[in-house]
Amino acid sequence: RRDRVVAALNAIDGIRCPAPDGAFYVFPD
């Protein structure tokens, strides 16, 4: 799920999303 969410968010113009090392959240810029 993490990998899917990170890839999808990074494909959106104006959003930068690092892959989290743990937990089940992303915290994109």
PDB file of all heavy atoms in Angstrom:
ATOM      1  N   ARG A   1       0.834  -1.199   0.000  1.00  0.00           N
ATOM      2  CA  ARG A   1       0.000   0.000   0.000  1.00  0.00           C
ATOM      3  C   ARG A   1       0.874   1.256   0.000  1.00  0.00           C
ATOM      4  O   ARG A   1       0.580   2.226  -0.713  1.00  0.00           O
ATOM      5  CB  ARG A   1      -0.916  -0.003   1.228  1.00  0.00           C
ATOM      6  CG  ARG A   1      -1.916  -1.127   1.263  1.00  0.00           C
ATOM      7  CD  ARG A   1      -2.803  -0.996   2.491  1.00  0.00           C
ATOM      8  NE  ARG A   1      -3.598  -2.188   2.731  1.00  0.00           N
ATOM      9  CZ  ARG A   1      -4.469  -2.314   3.725  1.00  0.00           C
ATOM     10  NH1 ARG A   1      -4.665  -1.309   4.565  1.00  0.00           N
ATOM     11  NH2 ARG A   1      -5.161  -3.439   3.876  1.00  0.00           N
ATOM     12  N   ARG A   2       1.908   1.237   0.822  1.00  0.00           N
ATOM     13  CA  ARG A   2       2.819   2.390   0.884  1.00  0.00           C
ATOM     14  C   ARG A   2       3.375   2.708  -0.488  1.00  0.00           C
ATOM     15  O   ARG A   2       3.361   3.874  -0.936  1.00  0.00           O
ATOM     16  CB  ARG A   2       3.972   2.087   1.849  1.00  0.00           C
ATOM     17  CG  ARG A   2       5.013   3.193   1.909  1.00  0.00           C
ATOM     18  CD  ARG A   2       6.339   2.716   2.480  1.00  0.00           C
ATOM     19  NE  ARG A   2       7.033   1.780   1.592  1.00  0.00           N
ATOM     20  CZ  ARG A   2       8.306   1.436   1.712  1.00  0.00           C
ATOM     21  NH1 ARG A   2       9.032   1.940   2.703  1.00  0.00           N
ATOM     22  NH2 ARG A   2       8.862   0.589   0.882  1.00  0.00           N
ATOM     23  N   ASP A   3       3.900   1.687  -1.168  1.00  0.00           N
ATOM     24  CA  ASP A   3       4.541   1.916  -2.456  1.00  0.00           C
ATOM     25  C   ASP A   3       3.549   2.470  -3.476  1.00  0.00           C
ATOM     26  O   ASP A   3       3.887   3.346  -4.287  1.00  0.00           O
ATOM     27  CB  ASP A   3       5.160   0.616  -2.971  1.00  0.00           C
ATOM     28  CG  ASP A   3       6.328   0.151  -2.111  1.00  0.00           C
ATOM     29  OD1 ASP A   3       6.817   0.953  -1.283  1.00  0.00           O
ATOM     30  OD2 ASP A   3       6.741  -1.022  -2.252  1.00  0.00           O
ATOM     31  N   ARG A   4       2.315   1.974  -3.448  1.00  0.00           N
ATOM     32  CA  ARG A   4       1.294   2.475  -4.370  1.00  0.00           C
ATOM     33  C   ARG A   4       0.975   3.941  -4.089  1.00  0.00           C
ATOM     34  O   ARG A   4       0.899   4.760  -5.008  1.00  0.00           O
ATOM     35  CB  ARG A   4       0.029   1.613  -4.239  1.00  0.00           C
ATOM     36  CG  ARG A   4      -1.214   2.196  -4.904  1.00  0.00           C
ATOM     37  CD  ARG A   4      -1.028   2.386  -6.391  1.00  0.00           C
ATOM     38  NE  ARG A   4      -2.205   3.063  -6.977  1.00  0.00           N
ATOM     39  CZ  ARG A   4      -2.147   3.878  -8.004  1.00  0.00           C
ATOM     40  NH1 ARG A   4      -0.979   4.174  -8.576  1.00  0.00           N
ATOM     41  NH2 ARG A   4      -3.254   4.436  -8.484  1.00  0.00           N
ATOM     42  N   VAL A   5       0.802   4.283  -2.819  1.00  0.00           N
ATOM     43  CA  VAL A   5       0.442   5.655  -2.450  1.00  0.00           C
ATOM     44  C   VAL A   5       1.565   6.626  -2.785  1.00  0.00           C
ATOM     45  O   VAL A   5       1.334   7.707  -3.345  1.00  0.00           O
ATOM     46  CB  VAL A   5       0.083   5.728  -0.949  1.00  0.00           C
ATOM     47  CG1 VAL A   5      -0.041   7.171  -0.483  1.00  0.00           C
ATOM     48  CG2 VAL A   5      -1.224   4.980  -0.684  1.00  0.00           C
ATOM     49  N   VAL A   6       2.789   6.255  -2.483  1.00  0.00           N
ATOM     50  CA  VAL A   6       3.933   7.132  -2.753  1.00  0.00           C
ATOM     51  C   VAL A   6       4.064   7.389  -4.252  1.00  0.00           C
ATOM     52  O   VAL A   6       4.248   8.534  -4.695  1.00  0.00           O
ATOM     53  CB  VAL A   6       5.229   6.518  -2.183  1.00  0.00           C
ATOM     54  CG1 VAL A   6       6.459   7.267  -2.693  1.00  0.00           C
ATOM     55  CG2 VAL A   6       5.201   6.538  -0.663  1.00  0.00           C
ATOM     56  N   ALA A   7       3.948   6.346  -5.053  1.00  0.00           N
ATOM     57  CA  ALA A   7       4.071   6.508  -6.501  1.00  0.00           C
ATOM     58  C   ALA A   7       2.962   7.401  -7.050  1.00  0.00           C
ATOM     59  O   ALA A   7       3.208   8.275  -7.889  1.00  0.00           O
ATOM     60  CB  ALA A   7       4.037   5.139  -7.181  1.00  0.00           C
ATOM     61  N   ALA A   8       1.741   7.195  -6.577  1.00  0.00           N
ATOM     62  CA  ALA A   8       0.605   7.974  -7.090  1.00  0.00           C
ATOM     63  C   ALA A   8       0.719   9.448  -6.703  1.00  0.00           C
ATOM     64  O   ALA A   8       0.440  10.333  -7.524  1.00  0.00           O
ATOM     65  CB  ALA A   8      -0.698   7.387  -6.571  1.00  0.00           C
ATOM     66  N   LEU A   9       1.125   9.726  -5.481  1.00  0.00           N
ATOM     67  CA  LEU A   9       1.237  11.119  -5.048  1.00  0.00           C
ATOM     68  C   LEU A   9       2.368  11.837  -5.772  1.00  0.00           C
ATOM     69  O   LEU A   9       2.239  13.017  -6.136  1.00  0.00           O
ATOM     70  CB  LEU A   9       1.437  11.185  -3.536  1.00  0.00           C
ATOM     71  CG  LEU A   9       0.225  10.793  -2.689  1.00  0.00           C
ATOM     72  CD1 LEU A   9       0.577  10.811  -1.206  1.00  0.00           C
ATOM     73  CD2 LEU A   9      -0.967  11.719  -2.951  1.00  0.00           C
ATOM     74  N   ASN A  10       3.471  11.157  -5.988  1.00  0.00           N
ATOM     75  CA  ASN A  10       4.591  11.789  -6.691  1.00  0.00           C
ATOM     76  C   ASN A  10       4.279  12.048  -8.163  1.00  0.00           C
ATOM     77  O   ASN A  10       4.982  12.830  -8.810  1.00  0.00           O
ATOM     78  CB  ASN A  10       5.851  10.935  -6.555  1.00  0.00           C
ATOM     79  CG  ASN A  10       6.550  11.151  -5.225  1.00  0.00           C
ATOM     80  OD1 ASN A  10       6.595  12.266  -4.710  1.00  0.00           O
ATOM     81  ND2 ASN A  10       7.088  10.082  -4.647  1.00  0.00           N
ATOM     82  N   ALA A  11       3.242  11.411  -8.681  1.00  0.00           N
ATOM     83  CA  ALA A  11       2.833  11.652 -10.077  1.00  0.00           C
ATOM     84  C   ALA A  11       1.941  12.882 -10.200  1.00  0.00           C
ATOM     85  O   ALA A  11       1.602  13.276 -11.316  1.00  0.00           O
ATOM     86  CB  ALA A  11       2.103  10.423 -10.615  1.00  0.00           C
ATOM     87  N   ILE A  12       1.561  13.491  -9.071  1.00  0.00           N
ATOM     88  CA  ILE A  12       0.688  14.668  -9.071  1.00  0.00           C
ATOM     89  C   ILE A  12       1.557  15.922  -9.030  1.00  0.00           C
ATOM     90  O   ILE A  12       2.419  16.063  -8.158  1.00  0.00           O
ATOM     91  CB  ILE A  12      -0.280  14.639  -7.881  1.00  0.00           C
ATOM     92  CG1 ILE A  12      -1.187  13.404  -7.961  1.00  0.00           C
ATOM     93  CG2 ILE A  12      -1.121  15.917  -7.834  1.00  0.00           C
ATOM     94  CD1 ILE A  12      -2.056  13.203  -6.743  1.00  0.00           C
ATOM     95  N   ASP A  13       1.335  16.819  -9.956  1.00  0.00           N
ATOM     96  CA  ASP A  13       2.116  18.049 -10.036  1.00  0.00           C
ATOM     97  C   ASP A  13       1.937  18.873  -8.754  1.00  0.00           C
ATOM     98  O   ASP A  13       0.814  19.138  -8.324  1.00  0.00           O
ATOM     99  CB  ASP A  13       1.658  18.867 -11.248  1.00  0.00           C
ATOM    100  CG  ASP A  13       2.560  20.061 -11.518  1.00  0.00           C
ATOM    101  OD1 ASP A  13       3.741  20.023 -11.119  1.00  0.00           O
ATOM    102  OD2 ASP A  13       2.072  21.035 -12.132  1.00  0.00           O
ATOM    103  N   GLY A  14       3.063  19.249  -8.156  1.00  0.00           N
ATOM    104  CA  GLY A  14       3.015  20.088  -6.961  1.00  0.00           C
ATOM    105  C   GLY A  14       3.068  19.323  -5.657  1.00  0.00           C
ATOM    106  O   GLY A  14       3.018  19.933  -4.583  1.00  0.00           O
ATOM    107  N   ILE A  15       3.164  17.986  -5.720  1.00  0.00           N
ATOM    108  CA  ILE A  15       3.246  17.168  -4.503  1.00  0.00           C
ATOM    109  C   ILE A  15       4.539  16.367  -4.534  1.00  0.00           C
ATOM    110  O   ILE A  15       4.876  15.748  -5.546  1.00  0.00           O
ATOM    111  CB  ILE A  15       2.022  16.233  -4.375  1.00  0.00           C
ATOM    112  CG1 ILE A  15       0.750  17.059  -4.164  1.00  0.00           C
ATOM    113  CG2 ILE A  15       2.208  15.238  -3.233  1.00  0.00           C
ATOM    114  CD1 ILE A  15      -0.526  16.237  -4.039  1.00  0.00           C
ATOM    115  N   ARG A  16       5.251  16.391  -3.436  1.00  0.00           N
ATOM    116  CA  ARG A  16       6.467  15.586  -3.279  1.00  0.00           C
ATOM    117  C   ARG A  16       6.291  14.688  -2.072  1.00  0.00           C
ATOM    118  O   ARG A  16       6.012  15.158  -0.964  1.00  0.00           O
ATOM    119  CB  ARG A  16       7.704  16.470  -3.084  1.00  0.00           C
ATOM    120  CG  ARG A  16       8.026  17.347  -4.298  1.00  0.00           C
ATOM    121  CD  ARG A  16       9.326  18.112  -4.068  1.00  0.00           C
ATOM    122  NE  ARG A  16       9.232  18.989  -2.906  1.00  0.00           N
ATOM    123  CZ  ARG A  16      10.224  19.210  -2.055  1.00  0.00           C
ATOM    124  NH1 ARG A  16      11.382  18.574  -2.195  1.00  0.00           N
ATOM    125  NH2 ARG A  16      10.071  20.044  -1.050  1.00  0.00           N
ATOM    126  N   CYS A  17       6.454  13.380  -2.276  1.00  0.00           N
ATOM    127  CA  CYS A  17       6.155  12.430  -1.208  1.00  0.00           C
ATOM    128  C   CYS A  17       7.279  11.422  -1.020  1.00  0.00           C
ATOM    129  O   CYS A  17       7.462  10.524  -1.851  1.00  0.00           O
ATOM    130  CB  CYS A  17       4.853  11.695  -1.520  1.00  0.00           C
ATOM    131  SG  CYS A  17       4.327  10.575  -0.202  1.00  0.00           S
ATOM    132  N   PRO A  18       8.054  11.540   0.064  1.00  0.00           N
ATOM    133  CA  PRO A  18       9.071  10.538   0.341  1.00  0.00           C
ATOM    134  C   PRO A  18       8.429   9.245   0.846  1.00  0.00           C
ATOM    135  O   PRO A  18       7.330   9.267   1.419  1.00  0.00           O
ATOM    136  CB  PRO A  18       9.923  11.185   1.435  1.00  0.00           C
ATOM    137  CG  PRO A  18       8.961  12.097   2.145  1.00  0.00           C
ATOM    138  CD  PRO A  18       8.017  12.601   1.089  1.00  0.00           C
ATOM    139  N   ALA A  19       9.092   8.135   0.635  1.00  0.00           N
ATOM    140  CA  ALA A  19       8.588   6.852   1.133  1.00  0.00           C
ATOM    141  C   ALA A  19       8.884   6.737   2.623  1.00  0.00           C
ATOM    142  O   ALA A  19      10.040   6.867   3.043  1.00  0.00           O
ATOM    143  CB  ALA A  19       9.236   5.703   0.380  1.00  0.00           C
ATOM    144  N   PRO A  20       7.888   6.502   3.458  1.00  0.00           N
ATOM    145  CA  PRO A  20       8.131   6.369   4.891  1.00  0.00           C
ATOM    146  C   PRO A  20       8.871   5.076   5.215  1.00  0.00           C
ATOM    147  O   PRO A  20       8.682   4.056   4.547  1.00  0.00           O
ATOM    148  CB  PRO A  20       6.721   6.360   5.493  1.00  0.00           C
ATOM    149  CG  PRO A  20       5.848   5.839   4.392  1.00  0.00           C
ATOM    150  CD  PRO A  20       6.454   6.352   3.120  1.00  0.00           C
ATOM    151  N   ASP A  21       9.695   5.125   6.247  1.00  0.00           N
ATOM    152  CA  ASP A  21      10.442   3.948   6.687  1.00  0.00           C
ATOM    153  C   ASP A  21       9.592   3.004   7.522  1.00  0.00           C
ATOM    154  O   ASP A  21       9.928   1.832   7.682  1.00  0.00           O
ATOM    155  CB  ASP A  21      11.662   4.367   7.515  1.00  0.00           C
ATOM    156  CG  ASP A  21      12.673   5.161   6.707  1.00  0.00           C
ATOM    157  OD1 ASP A  21      12.793   4.898   5.497  1.00  0.00           O
ATOM    158  OD2 ASP A  21      13.336   6.037   7.289  1.00  0.00           O
ATOM    159  N   GLY A  22       8.502   3.523   8.102  1.00  0.00           N
ATOM    160  CA  GLY A  22       7.658   2.704   8.948  1.00  0.00           C
ATOM    161  C   GLY A  22       6.297   3.339   9.116  1.00  0.00           C
ATOM    162  O   GLY A  22       5.976   4.361   8.507  1.00  0.00           O
ATOM    163  N   ALA A  23       5.468   2.723   9.971  1.00  0.00           N
ATOM    164  CA  ALA A  23       4.093   3.141  10.244  1.00  0.00           C
ATOM    165  C   ALA A  23       3.241   3.013   8.987  1.00  0.00           C
ATOM    166  O   ALA A  23       3.633   2.356   8.013  1.00  0.00           O
ATOM    167  CB  ALA A  23       4.039   4.558  10.827  1.00  0.00           C
ATOM    168  N   PHE A  24       2.053   3.624   8.979  1.00  0.00           N
ATOM    169  CA  PHE A  24       1.184   3.501   7.803  1.00  0.00           C
ATOM    170  C   PHE A  24       0.625   4.853   7.390  1.00  0.00           C
ATOM    171  O   PHE A  24      -0.568   5.013   7.114  1.00  0.00           O
ATOM    172  CB  PHE A  24       0.062   2.477   7.997  1.00  0.00           C
ATOM    173  CG  PHE A  24      -0.587   2.442   9.361  1.00  0.00           C
ATOM    174  CD1 PHE A  24      -1.242   3.546   9.886  1.00  0.00           C
ATOM    175  CD2 PHE A  24      -0.543   1.281  10.121  1.00  0.00           C
ATOM    176  CE1 PHE A  24      -1.850   3.503  11.114  1.00  0.00           C
ATOM    177  CE2 PHE A  24      -1.147   1.227  11.357  1.00  0.00           C
ATOM    178  CZ  PHE A  24      -1.810   2.338  11.859  1.00  0.00           C
ATOM    179  N   TYR A  25       1.548   5.823   7.324  1.00  0.00           N
ATOM    180  CA  TYR A  25       1.199   7.165   6.872  1.00  0.00           C
ATOM    181  C   TYR A  25       2.224   7.648   5.849  1.00  0.00           C
ATOM    182  O   TYR A  25       3.384   7.220   5.872  1.00  0.00           O
ATOM    183  CB  TYR A  25       1.213   8.166   8.028  1.00  0.00           C
ATOM    184  CG  TYR A  25       0.477   7.733   9.263  1.00  0.00           C
ATOM    185  CD1 TYR A  25       1.175   7.213  10.358  1.00  0.00           C
ATOM    186  CD2 TYR A  25      -0.904   7.834   9.346  1.00  0.00           C
ATOM    187  CE1 TYR A  25       0.506   6.816  11.501  1.00  0.00           C
ATOM    188  CE2 TYR A  25      -1.580   7.444  10.494  1.00  0.00           C
ATOM    189  CZ  TYR A  25      -0.868   6.925  11.562  1.00  0.00           C
ATOM    190  OH  TYR A  25      -1.535   6.519  12.692  1.00  0.00           O
ATOM    191  N   VAL A  26       1.772   8.568   4.994  1.00  0.00           N
ATOM    192  CA  VAL A  26       2.710   9.367   4.206  1.00  0.00           C
ATOM    193  C   VAL A  26       2.487  10.820   4.607  1.00  0.00           C
ATOM    194  O   VAL A  26       1.393  11.211   5.045  1.00  0.00           O
ATOM    195  CB  VAL A  26       2.508   9.183   2.687  1.00  0.00           C
ATOM    196  CG1 VAL A  26       2.953   7.799   2.258  1.00  0.00           C
ATOM    197  CG2 VAL A  26       1.057   9.450   2.277  1.00  0.00           C
ATOM    198  N   PHE A  27       3.561  11.615   4.466  1.00  0.00           N
ATOM    199  CA  PHE A  27       3.505  13.019   4.887  1.00  0.00           C
ATOM    200  C   PHE A  27       4.091  13.881   3.776  1.00  0.00           C
ATOM    201  O   PHE A  27       5.179  14.444   3.905  1.00  0.00           O
ATOM    202  CB  PHE A  27       4.277  13.178   6.193  1.00  0.00           C
ATOM    203  CG  PHE A  27       3.991  14.454   6.945  1.00  0.00           C
ATOM    204  CD1 PHE A  27       2.717  14.760   7.385  1.00  0.00           C
ATOM    205  CD2 PHE A  27       5.018  15.351   7.235  1.00  0.00           C
ATOM    206  CE1 PHE A  27       2.452  15.915   8.093  1.00  0.00           C
ATOM    207  CE2 PHE A  27       4.769  16.506   7.949  1.00  0.00           C
ATOM    208  CZ  PHE A  27       3.483  16.800   8.375  1.00  0.00           C
ATOM    209  N   PRO A  28       3.373  13.968   2.657  1.00  0.00           N
ATOM    210  CA  PRO A  28       3.918  14.685   1.497  1.00  0.00           C
ATOM    211  C   PRO A  28       3.981  16.190   1.691  1.00  0.00           C
ATOM    212  O   PRO A  28       3.181  16.778   2.431  1.00  0.00           O
ATOM    213  CB  PRO A  28       2.941  14.324   0.379  1.00  0.00           C
ATOM    214  CG  PRO A  28       1.649  14.067   1.089  1.00  0.00           C
ATOM    215  CD  PRO A  28       2.044  13.401   2.373  1.00  0.00           C
ATOM    216  N   ASP A  29       4.916  16.801   0.981  1.00  0.00           N
ATOM    217  CA  ASP A  29       5.008  18.250   0.883  1.00  0.00           C
ATOM    218  C   ASP A  29       4.009  18.680  -0.194  1.00  0.00           C
ATOM    219  O   ASP A  29       4.124  18.285  -1.357  1.00  0.00           O
ATOM    220  CB  ASP A  29       6.437  18.640   0.482  1.00  0.00           C
ATOM    221  CG  ASP A  29       6.665  20.142   0.429  1.00  0.00           C
ATOM    222  OD1 ASP A  29       5.706  20.881   0.153  1.00  0.00           O
ATOM    223  OD2 ASP A  29       7.813  20.567   0.648  1.00  0.00           O
TER     224      ASP A  29
END
